[in-house]
Amino acid sequence: MGKNGPKIDGVITAHERKSPNDPSGFVFKNCNISGTAGGKAELGRAMDAYARVIIADSYLSDVVKPEGWSPRTFVGHE
């Protein structure tokens, strides 16, 4: 149990890419994204202006927050 009780919110990914030419990124394909205990999660949080995360052909349960992505401090890069 977390310090805030059984409900814990979080982020599934946090990718950082400092250049549009950086080939890195996260790819989740044919995944089942789910959780328990009533917590909610964002799909990802941008750690820099060029963060890249692809979620394709995957099941997203209601554990994912409706807004999906957090721009953190990089608004416009969701």
PDB file of N, CA and C in Angstrom:
ATOM      1  N   MET A   1       0.850  -1.169   0.000  1.00  0.00           N
ATOM      2  CA  MET A   1       0.000   0.000   0.000  1.00  0.00           C
ATOM      3  C   MET A   1       0.897   1.233   0.000  1.00  0.00           C
ATOM      4  N   GLY A   2       0.596   2.183  -0.866  1.00  0.00           N
ATOM      5  CA  GLY A   2       1.369   3.419  -0.927  1.00  0.00           C
ATOM      6  C   GLY A   2       1.075   4.328   0.249  1.00  0.00           C
ATOM      7  N   LYS A   3       1.852   5.372   0.384  1.00  0.00           N
ATOM      8  CA  LYS A   3       1.669   6.289   1.513  1.00  0.00           C
ATOM      9  C   LYS A   3       0.334   7.019   1.460  1.00  0.00           C
ATOM     10  N   ASN A   4      -0.291   7.068   0.270  1.00  0.00           N
ATOM     11  CA  ASN A   4      -1.585   7.728   0.126  1.00  0.00           C
ATOM     12  C   ASN A   4      -2.738   6.731   0.138  1.00  0.00           C
ATOM     13  N   GLY A   5      -2.473   5.491   0.544  1.00  0.00           N
ATOM     14  CA  GLY A   5      -3.506   4.473   0.550  1.00  0.00           C
ATOM     15  C   GLY A   5      -3.415   3.616  -0.697  1.00  0.00           C
ATOM     16  N   PRO A   6      -4.451   2.814  -0.972  1.00  0.00           N
ATOM     17  CA  PRO A   6      -4.387   1.888  -2.094  1.00  0.00           C
ATOM     18  C   PRO A   6      -4.489   2.558  -3.459  1.00  0.00           C
ATOM     19  N   LYS A   7      -5.011   3.764  -3.535  1.00  0.00           N
ATOM     20  CA  LYS A   7      -5.159   4.452  -4.820  1.00  0.00           C
ATOM     21  C   LYS A   7      -3.879   5.223  -5.122  1.00  0.00           C
ATOM     22  N   ILE A   8      -3.192   4.824  -6.188  1.00  0.00           N
ATOM     23  CA  ILE A   8      -1.951   5.488  -6.565  1.00  0.00           C
ATOM     24  C   ILE A   8      -2.059   5.915  -8.021  1.00  0.00           C
ATOM     25  N   ASP A   9      -1.852   7.183  -8.303  1.00  0.00           N
ATOM     26  CA  ASP A   9      -1.840   7.683  -9.670  1.00  0.00           C
ATOM     27  C   ASP A   9      -0.407   7.688 -10.181  1.00  0.00           C
ATOM     28  N   GLY A  10      -0.249   7.644 -11.496  1.00  0.00           N
ATOM     29  CA  GLY A  10       1.105   7.617 -12.026  1.00  0.00           C
ATOM     30  C   GLY A  10       1.171   7.895 -13.511  1.00  0.00           C
ATOM     31  N   VAL A  11       2.338   7.604 -14.061  1.00  0.00           N
ATOM     32  CA  VAL A  11       2.635   7.801 -15.476  1.00  0.00           C
ATOM     33  C   VAL A  11       3.237   6.499 -15.997  1.00  0.00           C
ATOM     34  N   ILE A  12       2.812   6.056 -17.161  1.00  0.00           N
ATOM     35  CA  ILE A  12       3.298   4.799 -17.714  1.00  0.00           C
ATOM     36  C   ILE A  12       4.658   4.973 -18.390  1.00  0.00           C
ATOM     37  N   THR A  13       4.867   6.073 -19.095  1.00  0.00           N
ATOM     38  CA  THR A  13       6.157   6.318 -19.751  1.00  0.00           C
ATOM     39  C   THR A  13       6.646   7.727 -19.453  1.00  0.00           C
ATOM     40  N   ALA A  14       7.951   7.897 -19.550  1.00  0.00           N
ATOM     41  CA  ALA A  14       8.569   9.222 -19.439  1.00  0.00           C
ATOM     42  C   ALA A  14       9.794   9.193 -20.351  1.00  0.00           C
ATOM     43  N   HIS A  15       9.622   9.666 -21.579  1.00  0.00           N
ATOM     44  CA  HIS A  15      10.701   9.602 -22.564  1.00  0.00           C
ATOM     45  C   HIS A  15      11.344  10.968 -22.735  1.00  0.00           C
ATOM     46  N   GLU A  16      12.655  10.955 -22.953  1.00  0.00           N
ATOM     47  CA  GLU A  16      13.399  12.202 -23.173  1.00  0.00           C
ATOM     48  C   GLU A  16      14.160  12.095 -24.489  1.00  0.00           C
ATOM     49  N   ARG A  17      13.990  13.110 -25.318  1.00  0.00           N
ATOM     50  CA  ARG A  17      14.702  13.205 -26.590  1.00  0.00           C
ATOM     51  C   ARG A  17      14.989  14.676 -26.805  1.00  0.00           C
ATOM     52  N   LYS A  18      16.237  15.067 -26.891  1.00  0.00           N
ATOM     53  CA  LYS A  18      16.609  16.479 -26.960  1.00  0.00           C
ATOM     54  C   LYS A  18      16.691  17.025 -28.380  1.00  0.00           C
ATOM     55  N   SER A  19      16.616  16.151 -29.384  1.00  0.00           N
ATOM     56  CA  SER A  19      16.769  16.574 -30.773  1.00  0.00           C
ATOM     57  C   SER A  19      15.775  15.825 -31.652  1.00  0.00           C
ATOM     58  N   PRO A  20      15.239  16.473 -32.679  1.00  0.00           N
ATOM     59  CA  PRO A  20      14.338  15.758 -33.588  1.00  0.00           C
ATOM     60  C   PRO A  20      15.076  14.685 -34.392  1.00  0.00           C
ATOM     61  N   ASN A  21      16.395  14.743 -34.426  1.00  0.00           N
ATOM     62  CA  ASN A  21      17.195  13.760 -35.159  1.00  0.00           C
ATOM     63  C   ASN A  21      17.559  12.535 -34.326  1.00  0.00           C
ATOM     64  N   ASP A  22      17.273  12.558 -33.041  1.00  0.00           N
ATOM     65  CA  ASP A  22      17.539  11.421 -32.160  1.00  0.00           C
ATOM     66  C   ASP A  22      16.573  10.298 -32.536  1.00  0.00           C
ATOM     67  N   PRO A  23      17.070   9.105 -32.881  1.00  0.00           N
ATOM     68  CA  PRO A  23      16.185   8.027 -33.325  1.00  0.00           C
ATOM     69  C   PRO A  23      15.484   7.266 -32.195  1.00  0.00           C
ATOM     70  N   SER A  24      15.723   7.629 -30.947  1.00  0.00           N
ATOM     71  CA  SER A  24      15.166   6.856 -29.834  1.00  0.00           C
ATOM     72  C   SER A  24      13.674   7.100 -29.638  1.00  0.00           C
ATOM     73  N   GLY A  25      13.063   6.216 -28.899  1.00  0.00           N
ATOM     74  CA  GLY A  25      11.651   6.327 -28.565  1.00  0.00           C
ATOM     75  C   GLY A  25      11.171   5.034 -27.939  1.00  0.00           C
ATOM     76  N   PHE A  26       9.944   5.026 -27.448  1.00  0.00           N
ATOM     77  CA  PHE A  26       9.332   3.828 -26.881  1.00  0.00           C
ATOM     78  C   PHE A  26       8.205   3.390 -27.806  1.00  0.00           C
ATOM     79  N   VAL A  27       8.110   2.091 -28.068  1.00  0.00           N
ATOM     80  CA  VAL A  27       7.012   1.538 -28.856  1.00  0.00           C
ATOM     81  C   VAL A  27       6.353   0.426 -28.042  1.00  0.00           C
ATOM     82  N   PHE A  28       5.050   0.535 -27.878  1.00  0.00           N
ATOM     83  CA  PHE A  28       4.244  -0.493 -27.225  1.00  0.00           C
ATOM     84  C   PHE A  28       3.262  -0.992 -28.277  1.00  0.00           C
ATOM     85  N   LYS A  29       3.376  -2.243 -28.681  1.00  0.00           N
ATOM     86  CA  LYS A  29       2.503  -2.798 -29.714  1.00  0.00           C
ATOM     87  C   LYS A  29       1.869  -4.077 -29.187  1.00  0.00           C
ATOM     88  N   ASN A  30       0.564  -4.197 -29.413  1.00  0.00           N
ATOM     89  CA  ASN A  30      -0.205  -5.358 -28.955  1.00  0.00           C
ATOM     90  C   ASN A  30      -0.088  -5.547 -27.443  1.00  0.00           C
ATOM     91  N   CYS A  31      -0.245  -4.460 -26.707  1.00  0.00           N
ATOM     92  CA  CYS A  31      -0.127  -4.500 -25.246  1.00  0.00           C
ATOM     93  C   CYS A  31      -1.493  -4.378 -24.578  1.00  0.00           C
ATOM     94  N   ASN A  32      -1.542  -4.782 -23.330  1.00  0.00           N
ATOM     95  CA  ASN A  32      -2.718  -4.629 -22.487  1.00  0.00           C
ATOM     96  C   ASN A  32      -2.315  -3.686 -21.358  1.00  0.00           C
ATOM     97  N   ILE A  33      -2.803  -2.462 -21.404  1.00  0.00           N
ATOM     98  CA  ILE A  33      -2.462  -1.468 -20.387  1.00  0.00           C
ATOM     99  C   ILE A  33      -3.640  -1.370 -19.425  1.00  0.00           C
ATOM    100  N   SER A  34      -3.440  -1.909 -18.223  1.00  0.00           N
ATOM    101  CA  SER A  34      -4.511  -1.942 -17.228  1.00  0.00           C
ATOM    102  C   SER A  34      -3.901  -1.835 -15.841  1.00  0.00           C
ATOM    103  N   GLY A  35      -4.745  -1.733 -14.843  1.00  0.00           N
ATOM    104  CA  GLY A  35      -4.254  -1.605 -13.478  1.00  0.00           C
ATOM    105  C   GLY A  35      -5.321  -1.992 -12.477  1.00  0.00           C
ATOM    106  N   THR A  36      -4.998  -1.823 -11.207  1.00  0.00           N
ATOM    107  CA  THR A  36      -5.918  -2.183 -10.132  1.00  0.00           C
ATOM    108  C   THR A  36      -5.940  -1.078  -9.084  1.00  0.00           C
ATOM    109  N   ALA A  37      -6.746  -1.260  -8.092  1.00  0.00           N
ATOM    110  CA  ALA A  37      -6.813  -0.400  -6.900  1.00  0.00           C
ATOM    111  C   ALA A  37      -7.341   1.001  -7.164  1.00  0.00           C
ATOM    112  N   GLY A  38      -7.995   1.224  -8.302  1.00  0.00           N
ATOM    113  CA  GLY A  38      -8.637   2.507  -8.532  1.00  0.00           C
ATOM    114  C   GLY A  38      -7.724   3.647  -8.907  1.00  0.00           C
ATOM    115  N   GLY A  39      -6.444   3.398  -9.092  1.00  0.00           N
ATOM    116  CA  GLY A  39      -5.524   4.456  -9.503  1.00  0.00           C
ATOM    117  C   GLY A  39      -5.724   4.800 -10.965  1.00  0.00           C
ATOM    118  N   LYS A  40      -5.237   5.948 -11.373  1.00  0.00           N
ATOM    119  CA  LYS A  40      -5.297   6.396 -12.764  1.00  0.00           C
ATOM    120  C   LYS A  40      -3.895   6.763 -13.214  1.00  0.00           C
ATOM    121  N   ALA A  41      -3.637   6.629 -14.510  1.00  0.00           N
ATOM    122  CA  ALA A  41      -2.310   6.937 -15.033  1.00  0.00           C
ATOM    123  C   ALA A  41      -2.415   7.676 -16.357  1.00  0.00           C
ATOM    124  N   GLU A  42      -1.451   8.544 -16.595  1.00  0.00           N
ATOM    125  CA  GLU A  42      -1.297   9.165 -17.907  1.00  0.00           C
ATOM    126  C   GLU A  42      -0.475   8.205 -18.755  1.00  0.00           C
ATOM    127  N   LEU A  43      -0.695   8.212 -20.068  1.00  0.00           N
ATOM    128  CA  LEU A  43       0.082   7.335 -20.942  1.00  0.00           C
ATOM    129  C   LEU A  43       1.551   7.716 -20.930  1.00  0.00           C
ATOM    130  N   GLY A  44       1.838   8.995 -20.872  1.00  0.00           N
ATOM    131  CA  GLY A  44       3.229   9.420 -20.880  1.00  0.00           C
ATOM    132  C   GLY A  44       3.396  10.854 -20.456  1.00  0.00           C
ATOM    133  N   ARG A  45       4.636  11.153 -20.131  1.00  0.00           N
ATOM    134  CA  ARG A  45       5.024  12.508 -19.729  1.00  0.00           C
ATOM    135  C   ARG A  45       6.237  12.894 -20.569  1.00  0.00           C
ATOM    136  N   ALA A  46       6.141  14.025 -21.259  1.00  0.00           N
ATOM    137  CA  ALA A  46       7.266  14.503 -22.075  1.00  0.00           C
ATOM    138  C   ALA A  46       8.385  14.992 -21.169  1.00  0.00           C
ATOM    139  N   MET A  47       9.563  14.392 -21.315  1.00  0.00           N
ATOM    140  CA  MET A  47      10.717  14.800 -20.515  1.00  0.00           C
ATOM    141  C   MET A  47      11.577  15.818 -21.260  1.00  0.00           C
ATOM    142  N   ASP A  48      11.264  16.067 -22.512  1.00  0.00           N
ATOM    143  CA  ASP A  48      11.914  17.098 -23.311  1.00  0.00           C
ATOM    144  C   ASP A  48      11.007  17.365 -24.502  1.00  0.00           C
ATOM    145  N   ALA A  49      11.328  18.375 -25.277  1.00  0.00           N
ATOM    146  CA  ALA A  49      10.439  18.826 -26.349  1.00  0.00           C
ATOM    147  C   ALA A  49      10.239  17.797 -27.459  1.00  0.00           C
ATOM    148  N   TYR A  50      11.118  16.816 -27.600  1.00  0.00           N
ATOM    149  CA  TYR A  50      11.018  15.863 -28.702  1.00  0.00           C
ATOM    150  C   TYR A  50      10.720  14.437 -28.248  1.00  0.00           C
ATOM    151  N   ALA A  51      10.126  14.281 -27.087  1.00  0.00           N
ATOM    152  CA  ALA A  51       9.787  12.947 -26.584  1.00  0.00           C
ATOM    153  C   ALA A  51       8.939  12.202 -27.613  1.00  0.00           C
ATOM    154  N   ARG A  52       9.168  10.872 -27.699  1.00  0.00           N
ATOM    155  CA  ARG A  52       8.426  10.074 -28.679  1.00  0.00           C
ATOM    156  C   ARG A  52       7.989   8.751 -28.052  1.00  0.00           C
ATOM    157  N   VAL A  53       6.684   8.541 -28.013  1.00  0.00           N
ATOM    158  CA  VAL A  53       6.117   7.280 -27.523  1.00  0.00           C
ATOM    159  C   VAL A  53       5.007   6.883 -28.481  1.00  0.00           C
ATOM    160  N   ILE A  54       5.034   5.644 -28.922  1.00  0.00           N
ATOM    161  CA  ILE A  54       4.005   5.122 -29.821  1.00  0.00           C
ATOM    162  C   ILE A  54       3.320   3.954 -29.123  1.00  0.00           C
ATOM    163  N   ILE A  55       1.994   4.024 -29.038  1.00  0.00           N
ATOM    164  CA  ILE A  55       1.205   2.909 -28.515  1.00  0.00           C
ATOM    165  C   ILE A  55       0.271   2.501 -29.643  1.00  0.00           C
ATOM    166  N   ALA A  56       0.485   1.289 -30.185  1.00  0.00           N
ATOM    167  CA  ALA A  56      -0.264   0.853 -31.365  1.00  0.00           C
ATOM    168  C   ALA A  56      -0.949  -0.483 -31.109  1.00  0.00           C
ATOM    169  N   ASP A  57      -2.144  -0.620 -31.660  1.00  0.00           N
ATOM    170  CA  ASP A  57      -2.877  -1.885 -31.598  1.00  0.00           C
ATOM    171  C   ASP A  57      -2.912  -2.462 -30.186  1.00  0.00           C
ATOM    172  N   SER A  58      -3.184  -1.613 -29.220  1.00  0.00           N
ATOM    173  CA  SER A  58      -3.153  -2.020 -27.818  1.00  0.00           C
ATOM    174  C   SER A  58      -4.477  -1.732 -27.128  1.00  0.00           C
ATOM    175  N   TYR A  59      -4.754  -2.472 -26.070  1.00  0.00           N
ATOM    176  CA  TYR A  59      -5.945  -2.265 -25.251  1.00  0.00           C
ATOM    177  C   TYR A  59      -5.592  -1.319 -24.108  1.00  0.00           C
ATOM    178  N   LEU A  60      -6.396  -0.271 -23.947  1.00  0.00           N
ATOM    179  CA  LEU A  60      -6.217   0.679 -22.847  1.00  0.00           C
ATOM    180  C   LEU A  60      -7.455   0.602 -21.960  1.00  0.00           C
ATOM    181  N   SER A  61      -7.279   0.170 -20.726  1.00  0.00           N
ATOM    182  CA  SER A  61      -8.414   0.098 -19.808  1.00  0.00           C
ATOM    183  C   SER A  61      -8.725   1.495 -19.275  1.00  0.00           C
ATOM    184  N   ASP A  62      -9.729   1.563 -18.413  1.00  0.00           N
ATOM    185  CA  ASP A  62     -10.104   2.858 -17.846  1.00  0.00           C
ATOM    186  C   ASP A  62      -9.100   3.355 -16.807  1.00  0.00           C
ATOM    187  N   VAL A  63      -8.003   2.632 -16.614  1.00  0.00           N
ATOM    188  CA  VAL A  63      -6.938   3.126 -15.739  1.00  0.00           C
ATOM    189  C   VAL A  63      -6.248   4.343 -16.378  1.00  0.00           C
ATOM    190  N   VAL A  64      -6.332   4.453 -17.709  1.00  0.00           N
ATOM    191  CA  VAL A  64      -5.704   5.577 -18.411  1.00  0.00           C
ATOM    192  C   VAL A  64      -6.585   6.811 -18.264  1.00  0.00           C
ATOM    193  N   LYS A  65      -5.980   7.905 -17.827  1.00  0.00           N
ATOM    194  CA  LYS A  65      -6.720   9.161 -17.670  1.00  0.00           C
ATOM    195  C   LYS A  65      -7.248   9.619 -19.028  1.00  0.00           C
ATOM    196  N   PRO A  66      -8.434  10.226 -19.073  1.00  0.00           N
ATOM    197  CA  PRO A  66      -9.026  10.650 -20.342  1.00  0.00           C
ATOM    198  C   PRO A  66      -8.129  11.581 -21.168  1.00  0.00           C
ATOM    199  N   GLU A  67      -7.346  12.434 -20.505  1.00  0.00           N
ATOM    200  CA  GLU A  67      -6.475  13.342 -21.261  1.00  0.00           C
ATOM    201  C   GLU A  67      -5.301  12.609 -21.903  1.00  0.00           C
ATOM    202  N   GLY A  68      -5.003  11.409 -21.441  1.00  0.00           N
ATOM    203  CA  GLY A  68      -3.984  10.574 -22.062  1.00  0.00           C
ATOM    204  C   GLY A  68      -2.552  10.965 -21.768  1.00  0.00           C
ATOM    205  N   TRP A  69      -2.116  12.096 -22.285  1.00  0.00           N
ATOM    206  CA  TRP A  69      -0.711  12.501 -22.215  1.00  0.00           C
ATOM    207  C   TRP A  69      -0.536  13.752 -21.380  1.00  0.00           C
ATOM    208  N   SER A  70       0.602  13.855 -20.727  1.00  0.00           N
ATOM    209  CA  SER A  70       0.954  15.059 -19.975  1.00  0.00           C
ATOM    210  C   SER A  70       2.092  15.760 -20.704  1.00  0.00           C
ATOM    211  N   PRO A  71       1.916  17.017 -21.085  1.00  0.00           N
ATOM    212  CA  PRO A  71       3.002  17.727 -21.755  1.00  0.00           C
ATOM    213  C   PRO A  71       4.097  18.153 -20.786  1.00  0.00           C
ATOM    214  N   ARG A  72       3.811  18.029 -19.502  1.00  0.00           N
ATOM    215  CA  ARG A  72       4.714  18.505 -18.452  1.00  0.00           C
ATOM    216  C   ARG A  72       4.960  19.981 -18.706  1.00  0.00           C
ATOM    217  N   THR A  73       6.166  20.373 -19.032  1.00  0.00           N
ATOM    218  CA  THR A  73       6.431  21.790 -19.324  1.00  0.00           C
ATOM    219  C   THR A  73       6.547  22.038 -20.819  1.00  0.00           C
ATOM    220  N   PHE A  74       6.223  21.037 -21.633  1.00  0.00           N
ATOM    221  CA  PHE A  74       6.359  21.163 -23.080  1.00  0.00           C
ATOM    222  C   PHE A  74       4.985  21.176 -23.745  1.00  0.00           C
ATOM    223  N   VAL A  75       4.168  22.149 -23.389  1.00  0.00           N
ATOM    224  CA  VAL A  75       2.815  22.269 -23.925  1.00  0.00           C
ATOM    225  C   VAL A  75       2.894  22.398 -25.443  1.00  0.00           C
ATOM    226  N   GLY A  76       2.021  21.670 -26.126  1.00  0.00           N
ATOM    227  CA  GLY A  76       2.020  21.663 -27.580  1.00  0.00           C
ATOM    228  C   GLY A  76       2.770  20.475 -28.153  1.00  0.00           C
ATOM    229  N   HIS A  77       3.382  19.674 -27.284  1.00  0.00           N
ATOM    230  CA  HIS A  77       4.134  18.505 -27.733  1.00  0.00           C
ATOM    231  C   HIS A  77       3.469  17.211 -27.269  1.00  0.00           C
ATOM    232  N   GLU A  78       2.151  17.270 -26.960  1.00  0.00           N
ATOM    233  CA  GLU A  78       1.461  16.070 -26.481  1.00  0.00           C
ATOM    234  C   GLU A  78       1.361  15.059 -27.616  1.00  0.00           C
TER     235      GLU A  78
END
